[in-house]
Amino acid sequence: MTYVKVCPFADVPADGALAVEVGDAPVAIVRSGDDLYALSDICSHAEVSLSEGEVEDGTIECWLHGSCFDLRTGKPTNPPATQPVATYKVKVEDGDVYVSLGSDD
């Protein structure tokens, strides 16, 4: 599994999200409490940036139509979205955030 450095940890707002690019993939780096997540930055319903939404109780809300997505699984927790968004492995090393889009081979 290959991790790519995407940003300093300090750039990710508390209980908020930061949009980054990993290759050609738009990724939202999300802090919720003490936890850090990485998921596709594109809503599965309306194809808008999830990183512009609100983070609360382990979910991120799409700002356009209000669908919320579980940060751990990417699954929608309410309509209108019915399809999950991709989630990715994330880690922090030496104050920087790293994301892996790949899988274990």
PDB file of N, CA and C in Angstrom:
ATOM      1  N   MET A   1       0.847  -1.168   0.000  1.00  0.00           N
ATOM      2  CA  MET A   1       0.000   0.000   0.000  1.00  0.00           C
ATOM      3  C   MET A   1       0.895   1.234   0.000  1.00  0.00           C
ATOM      4  N   THR A   2       0.634   2.140  -0.926  1.00  0.00           N
ATOM      5  CA  THR A   2       1.426   3.347  -1.058  1.00  0.00           C
ATOM      6  C   THR A   2       0.656   4.537  -0.495  1.00  0.00           C
ATOM      7  N   TYR A   3       1.300   5.243   0.411  1.00  0.00           N
ATOM      8  CA  TYR A   3       0.705   6.451   0.990  1.00  0.00           C
ATOM      9  C   TYR A   3       1.331   7.681   0.336  1.00  0.00           C
ATOM     10  N   VAL A   4       0.502   8.700   0.143  1.00  0.00           N
ATOM     11  CA  VAL A   4       0.933   9.953  -0.455  1.00  0.00           C
ATOM     12  C   VAL A   4       0.726  11.065   0.564  1.00  0.00           C
ATOM     13  N   LYS A   5       1.746  11.899   0.756  1.00  0.00           N
ATOM     14  CA  LYS A   5       1.625  13.046   1.652  1.00  0.00           C
ATOM     15  C   LYS A   5       0.694  14.074   1.019  1.00  0.00           C
ATOM     16  N   VAL A   6      -0.343  14.520   1.778  1.00  0.00           N
ATOM     17  CA  VAL A   6      -1.336  15.424   1.196  1.00  0.00           C
ATOM     18  C   VAL A   6      -1.388  16.805   1.846  1.00  0.00           C
ATOM     19  N   CYS A   7      -1.029  16.905   3.139  1.00  0.00           N
ATOM     20  CA  CYS A   7      -1.094  18.201   3.815  1.00  0.00           C
ATOM     21  C   CYS A   7      -0.529  18.082   5.216  1.00  0.00           C
ATOM     22  N   PRO A   8      -0.196  19.224   5.831  1.00  0.00           N
ATOM     23  CA  PRO A   8       0.138  19.203   7.257  1.00  0.00           C
ATOM     24  C   PRO A   8      -1.131  18.941   8.063  1.00  0.00           C
ATOM     25  N   PHE A   9      -1.011  18.184   9.136  1.00  0.00           N
ATOM     26  CA  PHE A   9      -2.153  17.910  10.004  1.00  0.00           C
ATOM     27  C   PHE A   9      -2.779  19.209  10.510  1.00  0.00           C
ATOM     28  N   ALA A  10      -1.965  20.199  10.796  1.00  0.00           N
ATOM     29  CA  ALA A  10      -2.451  21.473  11.326  1.00  0.00           C
ATOM     30  C   ALA A  10      -3.379  22.198  10.350  1.00  0.00           C
ATOM     31  N   ASP A  11      -3.338  21.850   9.052  1.00  0.00           N
ATOM     32  CA  ASP A  11      -4.205  22.493   8.059  1.00  0.00           C
ATOM     33  C   ASP A  11      -5.638  21.965   8.077  1.00  0.00           C
ATOM     34  N   VAL A  12      -5.862  20.812   8.713  1.00  0.00           N
ATOM     35  CA  VAL A  12      -7.194  20.219   8.747  1.00  0.00           C
ATOM     36  C   VAL A  12      -7.955  20.824   9.931  1.00  0.00           C
ATOM     37  N   PRO A  13      -9.052  21.537   9.663  1.00  0.00           N
ATOM     38  CA  PRO A  13      -9.769  22.198  10.752  1.00  0.00           C
ATOM     39  C   PRO A  13     -10.406  21.205  11.719  1.00  0.00           C
ATOM     40  N   ALA A  14     -10.444  21.582  12.996  1.00  0.00           N
ATOM     41  CA  ALA A  14     -11.119  20.752  13.991  1.00  0.00           C
ATOM     42  C   ALA A  14     -12.587  20.636  13.626  1.00  0.00           C
ATOM     43  N   ASP A  15     -13.115  19.411  13.652  1.00  0.00           N
ATOM     44  CA  ASP A  15     -14.501  19.140  13.260  1.00  0.00           C
ATOM     45  C   ASP A  15     -14.837  19.813  11.934  1.00  0.00           C
ATOM     46  N   GLY A  16     -13.934  19.605  10.960  1.00  0.00           N
ATOM     47  CA  GLY A  16     -14.096  20.174   9.632  1.00  0.00           C
ATOM     48  C   GLY A  16     -13.366  19.337   8.613  1.00  0.00           C
ATOM     49  N   ALA A  17     -13.305  19.849   7.391  1.00  0.00           N
ATOM     50  CA  ALA A  17     -12.713  19.098   6.292  1.00  0.00           C
ATOM     51  C   ALA A  17     -11.840  19.991   5.431  1.00  0.00           C
ATOM     52  N   LEU A  18     -10.903  19.358   4.743  1.00  0.00           N
ATOM     53  CA  LEU A  18      -9.998  20.031   3.832  1.00  0.00           C
ATOM     54  C   LEU A  18      -9.982  19.250   2.518  1.00  0.00           C
ATOM     55  N   ALA A  19     -10.159  19.945   1.400  1.00  0.00           N
ATOM     56  CA  ALA A  19     -10.098  19.308   0.086  1.00  0.00           C
ATOM     57  C   ALA A  19      -8.648  19.206  -0.363  1.00  0.00           C
ATOM     58  N   VAL A  20      -8.260  18.007  -0.836  1.00  0.00           N
ATOM     59  CA  VAL A  20      -6.923  17.779  -1.384  1.00  0.00           C
ATOM     60  C   VAL A  20      -7.074  16.937  -2.643  1.00  0.00           C
ATOM     61  N   GLU A  21      -6.006  16.847  -3.408  1.00  0.00           N
ATOM     62  CA  GLU A  21      -5.966  15.983  -4.581  1.00  0.00           C
ATOM     63  C   GLU A  21      -4.920  14.907  -4.348  1.00  0.00           C
ATOM     64  N   VAL A  22      -5.275  13.665  -4.643  1.00  0.00           N
ATOM     65  CA  VAL A  22      -4.326  12.560  -4.620  1.00  0.00           C
ATOM     66  C   VAL A  22      -4.305  12.014  -6.041  1.00  0.00           C
ATOM     67  N   GLY A  23      -3.261  12.370  -6.778  1.00  0.00           N
ATOM     68  CA  GLY A  23      -3.269  12.089  -8.213  1.00  0.00           C
ATOM     69  C   GLY A  23      -4.385  12.906  -8.830  1.00  0.00           C
ATOM     70  N   ASP A  24      -5.305  12.240  -9.505  1.00  0.00           N
ATOM     71  CA  ASP A  24      -6.462  12.911 -10.097  1.00  0.00           C
ATOM     72  C   ASP A  24      -7.705  12.803  -9.229  1.00  0.00           C
ATOM     73  N   ALA A  25      -7.583  12.190  -8.051  1.00  0.00           N
ATOM     74  CA  ALA A  25      -8.753  11.943  -7.202  1.00  0.00           C
ATOM     75  C   ALA A  25      -8.958  13.063  -6.184  1.00  0.00           C
ATOM     76  N   PRO A  26     -10.149  13.674  -6.170  1.00  0.00           N
ATOM     77  CA  PRO A  26     -10.463  14.649  -5.134  1.00  0.00           C
ATOM     78  C   PRO A  26     -10.791  13.917  -3.833  1.00  0.00           C
ATOM     79  N   VAL A  27     -10.110  14.306  -2.764  1.00  0.00           N
ATOM     80  CA  VAL A  27     -10.244  13.637  -1.470  1.00  0.00           C
ATOM     81  C   VAL A  27     -10.541  14.676  -0.399  1.00  0.00           C
ATOM     82  N   ALA A  28     -11.460  14.340   0.500  1.00  0.00           N
ATOM     83  CA  ALA A  28     -11.740  15.175   1.671  1.00  0.00           C
ATOM     84  C   ALA A  28     -11.017  14.569   2.867  1.00  0.00           C
ATOM     85  N   ILE A  29     -10.169  15.363   3.505  1.00  0.00           N
ATOM     86  CA  ILE A  29      -9.527  14.962   4.763  1.00  0.00           C
ATOM     87  C   ILE A  29     -10.386  15.565   5.859  1.00  0.00           C
ATOM     88  N   VAL A  30     -10.903  14.722   6.744  1.00  0.00           N
ATOM     89  CA  VAL A  30     -11.905  15.161   7.712  1.00  0.00           C
ATOM     90  C   VAL A  30     -11.460  14.852   9.141  1.00  0.00           C
ATOM     91  N   ARG A  31     -11.572  15.864  10.010  1.00  0.00           N
ATOM     92  CA  ARG A  31     -11.346  15.664  11.447  1.00  0.00           C
ATOM     93  C   ARG A  31     -12.691  15.691  12.139  1.00  0.00           C
ATOM     94  N   SER A  32     -12.923  14.667  12.933  1.00  0.00           N
ATOM     95  CA  SER A  32     -14.127  14.584  13.751  1.00  0.00           C
ATOM     96  C   SER A  32     -13.675  14.183  15.143  1.00  0.00           C
ATOM     97  N   GLY A  33     -13.724  15.144  16.072  1.00  0.00           N
ATOM     98  CA  GLY A  33     -13.169  14.882  17.403  1.00  0.00           C
ATOM     99  C   GLY A  33     -11.685  14.634  17.277  1.00  0.00           C
ATOM    100  N   ASP A  34     -11.218  13.508  17.808  1.00  0.00           N
ATOM    101  CA  ASP A  34      -9.801  13.156  17.747  1.00  0.00           C
ATOM    102  C   ASP A  34      -9.466  12.270  16.551  1.00  0.00           C
ATOM    103  N   ASP A  35     -10.442  11.972  15.723  1.00  0.00           N
ATOM    104  CA  ASP A  35     -10.256  11.030  14.627  1.00  0.00           C
ATOM    105  C   ASP A  35     -10.074  11.744  13.293  1.00  0.00           C
ATOM    106  N   LEU A  36      -9.333  11.087  12.397  1.00  0.00           N
ATOM    107  CA  LEU A  36      -9.050  11.620  11.071  1.00  0.00           C
ATOM    108  C   LEU A  36      -9.520  10.604  10.032  1.00  0.00           C
ATOM    109  N   TYR A  37     -10.165  11.098   8.981  1.00  0.00           N
ATOM    110  CA  TYR A  37     -10.715  10.246   7.933  1.00  0.00           C
ATOM    111  C   TYR A  37     -10.352  10.809   6.568  1.00  0.00           C
ATOM    112  N   ALA A  38     -10.407   9.939   5.562  1.00  0.00           N
ATOM    113  CA  ALA A  38     -10.234  10.362   4.166  1.00  0.00           C
ATOM    114  C   ALA A  38     -11.316   9.682   3.348  1.00  0.00           C
ATOM    115  N   LEU A  39     -12.029  10.474   2.547  1.00  0.00           N
ATOM    116  CA  LEU A  39     -13.067   9.932   1.698  1.00  0.00           C
ATOM    117  C   LEU A  39     -13.169  10.751   0.426  1.00  0.00           C
ATOM    118  N   SER A  40     -13.847  10.193  -0.548  1.00  0.00           N
ATOM    119  CA  SER A  40     -14.038  10.916  -1.796  1.00  0.00           C
ATOM    120  C   SER A  40     -14.666  12.266  -1.502  1.00  0.00           C
ATOM    121  N   ASP A  41     -14.177  13.294  -2.168  1.00  0.00           N
ATOM    122  CA  ASP A  41     -14.693  14.642  -1.943  1.00  0.00           C
ATOM    123  C   ASP A  41     -15.880  14.951  -2.856  1.00  0.00           C
ATOM    124  N   ILE A  42     -16.418  13.935  -3.515  1.00  0.00           N
ATOM    125  CA  ILE A  42     -17.537  14.142  -4.429  1.00  0.00           C
ATOM    126  C   ILE A  42     -18.770  13.407  -3.902  1.00  0.00           C
ATOM    127  N   CYS A  43     -19.831  14.145  -3.630  1.00  0.00           N
ATOM    128  CA  CYS A  43     -21.094  13.562  -3.172  1.00  0.00           C
ATOM    129  C   CYS A  43     -21.608  12.585  -4.221  1.00  0.00           C
ATOM    130  N   SER A  44     -22.074  11.426  -3.787  1.00  0.00           N
ATOM    131  CA  SER A  44     -22.578  10.417  -4.718  1.00  0.00           C
ATOM    132  C   SER A  44     -23.947  10.787  -5.290  1.00  0.00           C
ATOM    133  N   HIS A  45     -24.588  11.775  -4.736  1.00  0.00           N
ATOM    134  CA  HIS A  45     -25.906  12.184  -5.220  1.00  0.00           C
ATOM    135  C   HIS A  45     -25.824  13.324  -6.234  1.00  0.00           C
ATOM    136  N   ALA A  46     -25.102  14.393  -5.882  1.00  0.00           N
ATOM    137  CA  ALA A  46     -25.134  15.589  -6.720  1.00  0.00           C
ATOM    138  C   ALA A  46     -23.776  15.998  -7.274  1.00  0.00           C
ATOM    139  N   GLU A  47     -22.740  15.225  -6.995  1.00  0.00           N
ATOM    140  CA  GLU A  47     -21.399  15.496  -7.507  1.00  0.00           C
ATOM    141  C   GLU A  47     -20.887  16.892  -7.164  1.00  0.00           C
ATOM    142  N   VAL A  48     -21.061  17.277  -5.891  1.00  0.00           N
ATOM    143  CA  VAL A  48     -20.491  18.515  -5.380  1.00  0.00           C
ATOM    144  C   VAL A  48     -19.496  18.157  -4.277  1.00  0.00           C
ATOM    145  N   SER A  49     -18.694  19.111  -3.873  1.00  0.00           N
ATOM    146  CA  SER A  49     -17.627  18.885  -2.903  1.00  0.00           C
ATOM    147  C   SER A  49     -18.172  18.664  -1.492  1.00  0.00           C
ATOM    148  N   LEU A  50     -17.897  17.490  -0.938  1.00  0.00           N
ATOM    149  CA  LEU A  50     -18.312  17.202   0.439  1.00  0.00           C
ATOM    150  C   LEU A  50     -17.508  17.998   1.458  1.00  0.00           C
ATOM    151  N   SER A  51     -16.276  18.365   1.116  1.00  0.00           N
ATOM    152  CA  SER A  51     -15.422  19.061   2.080  1.00  0.00           C
ATOM    153  C   SER A  51     -15.968  20.438   2.439  1.00  0.00           C
ATOM    154  N   GLU A  52     -16.955  20.930   1.699  1.00  0.00           N
ATOM    155  CA  GLU A  52     -17.579  22.204   2.013  1.00  0.00           C
ATOM    156  C   GLU A  52     -18.749  22.055   2.986  1.00  0.00           C
ATOM    157  N   GLY A  53     -19.043  20.809   3.378  1.00  0.00           N
ATOM    158  CA  GLY A  53     -20.166  20.535   4.272  1.00  0.00           C
ATOM    159  C   GLY A  53     -19.777  20.548   5.735  1.00  0.00           C
ATOM    160  N   GLU A  54     -20.787  20.366   6.589  1.00  0.00           N
ATOM    161  CA  GLU A  54     -20.602  20.347   8.040  1.00  0.00           C
ATOM    162  C   GLU A  54     -20.225  18.955   8.519  1.00  0.00           C
ATOM    163  N   VAL A  55     -19.325  18.910   9.519  1.00  0.00           N
ATOM    164  CA  VAL A  55     -18.910  17.656  10.141  1.00  0.00           C
ATOM    165  C   VAL A  55     -19.522  17.606  11.537  1.00  0.00           C
ATOM    166  N   GLU A  56     -20.246  16.506  11.819  1.00  0.00           N
ATOM    167  CA  GLU A  56     -20.885  16.371  13.123  1.00  0.00           C
ATOM    168  C   GLU A  56     -21.172  14.905  13.420  1.00  0.00           C
ATOM    169  N   ASP A  57     -20.859  14.476  14.629  1.00  0.00           N
ATOM    170  CA  ASP A  57     -21.191  13.128  15.111  1.00  0.00           C
ATOM    171  C   ASP A  57     -20.750  12.017  14.159  1.00  0.00           C
ATOM    172  N   GLY A  58     -19.534  12.098  13.631  1.00  0.00           N
ATOM    173  CA  GLY A  58     -19.005  11.038  12.776  1.00  0.00           C
ATOM    174  C   GLY A  58     -19.552  11.025  11.373  1.00  0.00           C
ATOM    175  N   THR A  59     -20.179  12.143  10.948  1.00  0.00           N
ATOM    176  CA  THR A  59     -20.691  12.238   9.583  1.00  0.00           C
ATOM    177  C   THR A  59     -20.262  13.555   8.958  1.00  0.00           C
ATOM    178  N   ILE A  60     -20.366  13.607   7.620  1.00  0.00           N
ATOM    179  CA  ILE A  60     -20.192  14.858   6.896  1.00  0.00           C
ATOM    180  C   ILE A  60     -21.451  15.061   6.064  1.00  0.00           C
ATOM    181  N   GLU A  61     -21.968  16.292   6.098  1.00  0.00           N
ATOM    182  CA  GLU A  61     -23.207  16.616   5.405  1.00  0.00           C
ATOM    183  C   GLU A  61     -22.916  17.340   4.095  1.00  0.00           C
ATOM    184  N   CYS A  62     -23.536  16.880   3.016  1.00  0.00           N
ATOM    185  CA  CYS A  62     -23.428  17.568   1.740  1.00  0.00           C
ATOM    186  C   CYS A  62     -24.168  18.891   1.848  1.00  0.00           C
ATOM    187  N   TRP A  63     -23.505  19.963   1.486  1.00  0.00           N
ATOM    188  CA  TRP A  63     -24.076  21.299   1.643  1.00  0.00           C
ATOM    189  C   TRP A  63     -25.234  21.570   0.691  1.00  0.00           C
ATOM    190  N   LEU A  64     -25.343  20.799  -0.407  1.00  0.00           N
ATOM    191  CA  LEU A  64     -26.359  21.118  -1.415  1.00  0.00           C
ATOM    192  C   LEU A  64     -27.742  20.561  -1.079  1.00  0.00           C
ATOM    193  N   HIS A  65     -27.820  19.260  -0.772  1.00  0.00           N
ATOM    194  CA  HIS A  65     -29.121  18.647  -0.529  1.00  0.00           C
ATOM    195  C   HIS A  65     -29.254  18.017   0.848  1.00  0.00           C
ATOM    196  N   GLY A  66     -28.205  18.062   1.666  1.00  0.00           N
ATOM    197  CA  GLY A  66     -28.310  17.611   3.056  1.00  0.00           C
ATOM    198  C   GLY A  66     -28.057  16.146   3.331  1.00  0.00           C
ATOM    199  N   SER A  67     -27.650  15.371   2.335  1.00  0.00           N
ATOM    200  CA  SER A  67     -27.298  13.981   2.625  1.00  0.00           C
ATOM    201  C   SER A  67     -26.085  13.951   3.535  1.00  0.00           C
ATOM    202  N   CYS A  68     -26.084  13.016   4.478  1.00  0.00           N
ATOM    203  CA  CYS A  68     -24.940  12.827   5.374  1.00  0.00           C
ATOM    204  C   CYS A  68     -24.289  11.485   5.064  1.00  0.00           C
ATOM    205  N   PHE A  69     -22.972  11.440   5.221  1.00  0.00           N
ATOM    206  CA  PHE A  69     -22.213  10.226   4.963  1.00  0.00           C
ATOM    207  C   PHE A  69     -21.412   9.856   6.202  1.00  0.00           C
ATOM    208  N   ASP A  70     -21.439   8.567   6.559  1.00  0.00           N
ATOM    209  CA  ASP A  70     -20.657   8.057   7.678  1.00  0.00           C
ATOM    210  C   ASP A  70     -19.179   8.159   7.320  1.00  0.00           C
ATOM    211  N   LEU A  71     -18.397   8.781   8.182  1.00  0.00           N
ATOM    212  CA  LEU A  71     -16.975   8.989   7.887  1.00  0.00           C
ATOM    213  C   LEU A  71     -16.179   7.692   7.874  1.00  0.00           C
ATOM    214  N   ARG A  72     -16.628   6.680   8.608  1.00  0.00           N
ATOM    215  CA  ARG A  72     -15.906   5.408   8.671  1.00  0.00           C
ATOM    216  C   ARG A  72     -16.180   4.535   7.452  1.00  0.00           C
ATOM    217  N   THR A  73     -17.429   4.534   6.969  1.00  0.00           N
ATOM    218  CA  THR A  73     -17.824   3.597   5.923  1.00  0.00           C
ATOM    219  C   THR A  73     -18.118   4.259   4.578  1.00  0.00           C
ATOM    220  N   GLY A  74     -18.402   5.566   4.579  1.00  0.00           N
ATOM    221  CA  GLY A  74     -18.793   6.265   3.369  1.00  0.00           C
ATOM    222  C   GLY A  74     -20.258   6.088   3.010  1.00  0.00           C
ATOM    223  N   LYS A  75     -20.995   5.302   3.789  1.00  0.00           N
ATOM    224  CA  LYS A  75     -22.406   5.037   3.484  1.00  0.00           C
ATOM    225  C   LYS A  75     -23.270   6.243   3.836  1.00  0.00           C
ATOM    226  N   PRO A  76     -24.280   6.528   3.002  1.00  0.00           N
ATOM    227  CA  PRO A  76     -25.193   7.615   3.322  1.00  0.00           C
ATOM    228  C   PRO A  76     -26.054   7.233   4.527  1.00  0.00           C
ATOM    229  N   THR A  77     -26.325   8.214   5.391  1.00  0.00           N
ATOM    230  CA  THR A  77     -27.153   7.953   6.568  1.00  0.00           C
ATOM    231  C   THR A  77     -28.547   8.544   6.414  1.00  0.00           C
ATOM    232  N   ASN A  78     -28.780   9.284   5.334  1.00  0.00           N
ATOM    233  CA  ASN A  78     -30.106   9.823   5.038  1.00  0.00           C
ATOM    234  C   ASN A  78     -30.179  10.192   3.556  1.00  0.00           C
ATOM    235  N   PRO A  79     -31.410  10.289   3.023  1.00  0.00           N
ATOM    236  CA  PRO A  79     -31.573  10.676   1.616  1.00  0.00           C
ATOM    237  C   PRO A  79     -31.279  12.165   1.418  1.00  0.00           C
ATOM    238  N   PRO A  80     -31.082  12.590   0.179  1.00  0.00           N
ATOM    239  CA  PRO A  80     -31.424  11.847  -1.029  1.00  0.00           C
ATOM    240  C   PRO A  80     -30.341  10.902  -1.532  1.00  0.00           C
ATOM    241  N   ALA A  81     -29.130  10.940  -1.012  1.00  0.00           N
ATOM    242  CA  ALA A  81     -28.082  10.025  -1.489  1.00  0.00           C
ATOM    243  C   ALA A  81     -28.437   8.591  -1.111  1.00  0.00           C
ATOM    244  N   THR A  82     -28.181   7.668  -2.045  1.00  0.00           N
ATOM    245  CA  THR A  82     -28.417   6.251  -1.786  1.00  0.00           C
ATOM    246  C   THR A  82     -27.149   5.425  -1.975  1.00  0.00           C
ATOM    247  N   GLN A  83     -26.133   6.002  -2.614  1.00  0.00           N
ATOM    248  CA  GLN A  83     -24.881   5.294  -2.885  1.00  0.00           C
ATOM    249  C   GLN A  83     -23.777   5.815  -1.969  1.00  0.00           C
ATOM    250  N   PRO A  84     -22.895   4.937  -1.495  1.00  0.00           N
ATOM    251  CA  PRO A  84     -21.787   5.382  -0.650  1.00  0.00           C
ATOM    252  C   PRO A  84     -20.725   6.127  -1.451  1.00  0.00           C
ATOM    253  N   VAL A  85     -19.854   6.818  -0.733  1.00  0.00           N
ATOM    254  CA  VAL A  85     -18.658   7.405  -1.330  1.00  0.00           C
ATOM    255  C   VAL A  85     -17.462   6.563  -0.881  1.00  0.00           C
ATOM    256  N   ALA A  86     -16.411   6.589  -1.661  1.00  0.00           N
ATOM    257  CA  ALA A  86     -15.213   5.811  -1.342  1.00  0.00           C
ATOM    258  C   ALA A  86     -14.543   6.354  -0.095  1.00  0.00           C
ATOM    259  N   THR A  87     -14.006   5.455   0.715  1.00  0.00           N
ATOM    260  CA  THR A  87     -13.190   5.836   1.863  1.00  0.00           C
ATOM    261  C   THR A  87     -11.771   5.322   1.625  1.00  0.00           C
ATOM    262  N   TYR A  88     -10.814   5.983   2.254  1.00  0.00           N
ATOM    263  CA  TYR A  88      -9.405   5.652   2.026  1.00  0.00           C
ATOM    264  C   TYR A  88      -8.667   5.545   3.341  1.00  0.00           C
ATOM    265  N   LYS A  89      -7.561   4.830   3.309  1.00  0.00           N
ATOM    266  CA  LYS A  89      -6.685   4.728   4.480  1.00  0.00           C
ATOM    267  C   LYS A  89      -5.989   6.067   4.677  1.00  0.00           C
ATOM    268  N   VAL A  90      -5.867   6.481   5.941  1.00  0.00           N
ATOM    269  CA  VAL A  90      -5.222   7.753   6.266  1.00  0.00           C
ATOM    270  C   VAL A  90      -4.359   7.550   7.497  1.00  0.00           C
ATOM    271  N   LYS A  91      -3.230   8.259   7.548  1.00  0.00           N
ATOM    272  CA  LYS A  91      -2.360   8.206   8.725  1.00  0.00           C
ATOM    273  C   LYS A  91      -1.652   9.540   8.876  1.00  0.00           C
ATOM    274  N   VAL A  92      -1.168   9.778  10.082  1.00  0.00           N
ATOM    275  CA  VAL A  92      -0.393  10.984  10.379  1.00  0.00           C
ATOM    276  C   VAL A  92       0.995  10.553  10.818  1.00  0.00           C
ATOM    277  N   GLU A  93       2.013  11.126  10.194  1.00  0.00           N
ATOM    278  CA  GLU A  93       3.408  10.874  10.565  1.00  0.00           C
ATOM    279  C   GLU A  93       4.156  12.192  10.566  1.00  0.00           C
ATOM    280  N   ASP A  94       4.861  12.458  11.646  1.00  0.00           N
ATOM    281  CA  ASP A  94       5.687  13.663  11.760  1.00  0.00           C
ATOM    282  C   ASP A  94       4.918  14.937  11.423  1.00  0.00           C
ATOM    283  N   GLY A  95       3.644  14.982  11.830  1.00  0.00           N
ATOM    284  CA  GLY A  95       2.847  16.182  11.637  1.00  0.00           C
ATOM    285  C   GLY A  95       2.229  16.340  10.259  1.00  0.00           C
ATOM    286  N   ASP A  96       2.383  15.336   9.382  1.00  0.00           N
ATOM    287  CA  ASP A  96       1.810  15.396   8.048  1.00  0.00           C
ATOM    288  C   ASP A  96       0.778  14.284   7.856  1.00  0.00           C
ATOM    289  N   VAL A  97      -0.214  14.549   7.019  1.00  0.00           N
ATOM    290  CA  VAL A  97      -1.280  13.601   6.709  1.00  0.00           C
ATOM    291  C   VAL A  97      -0.928  12.863   5.417  1.00  0.00           C
ATOM    292  N   TYR A  98      -1.087  11.554   5.445  1.00  0.00           N
ATOM    293  CA  TYR A  98      -0.834  10.691   4.294  1.00  0.00           C
ATOM    294  C   TYR A  98      -2.093   9.888   3.978  1.00  0.00           C
ATOM    295  N   VAL A  99      -2.362   9.690   2.685  1.00  0.00           N
ATOM    296  CA  VAL A  99      -3.538   8.956   2.235  1.00  0.00           C
ATOM    297  C   VAL A  99      -3.107   7.875   1.257  1.00  0.00           C
ATOM    298  N   SER A 100      -3.762   6.724   1.344  1.00  0.00           N
ATOM    299  CA  SER A 100      -3.567   5.663   0.367  1.00  0.00           C
ATOM    300  C   SER A 100      -4.878   5.392  -0.348  1.00  0.00           C
ATOM    301  N   LEU A 101      -4.869   5.496  -1.669  1.00  0.00           N
ATOM    302  CA  LEU A 101      -6.054   5.175  -2.475  1.00  0.00           C
ATOM    303  C   LEU A 101      -6.092   3.708  -2.828  1.00  0.00           C
ATOM    304  N   GLY A 102      -4.972   3.015  -2.669  1.00  0.00           N
ATOM    305  CA  GLY A 102      -4.874   1.622  -3.085  1.00  0.00           C
ATOM    306  C   GLY A 102      -5.320   0.654  -2.029  1.00  0.00           C
ATOM    307  N   SER A 103      -5.188  -0.613  -2.380  1.00  0.00           N
ATOM    308  CA  SER A 103      -5.521  -1.682  -1.456  1.00  0.00           C
ATOM    309  C   SER A 103      -4.280  -2.515  -1.206  1.00  0.00           C
ATOM    310  N   ASP A 104      -4.367  -3.353  -0.188  1.00  0.00           N
ATOM    311  CA  ASP A 104      -3.244  -4.266   0.100  1.00  0.00           C
ATOM    312  C   ASP A 104      -3.148  -5.289  -1.010  1.00  0.00           C
ATOM    313  N   ASP A 105      -1.968  -5.446  -1.541  1.00  0.00           N
ATOM    314  CA  ASP A 105      -1.767  -6.455  -2.592  1.00  0.00           C
ATOM    315  C   ASP A 105      -0.819  -7.520  -2.098  1.00  0.00           C
TER     316      ASP A 105
END
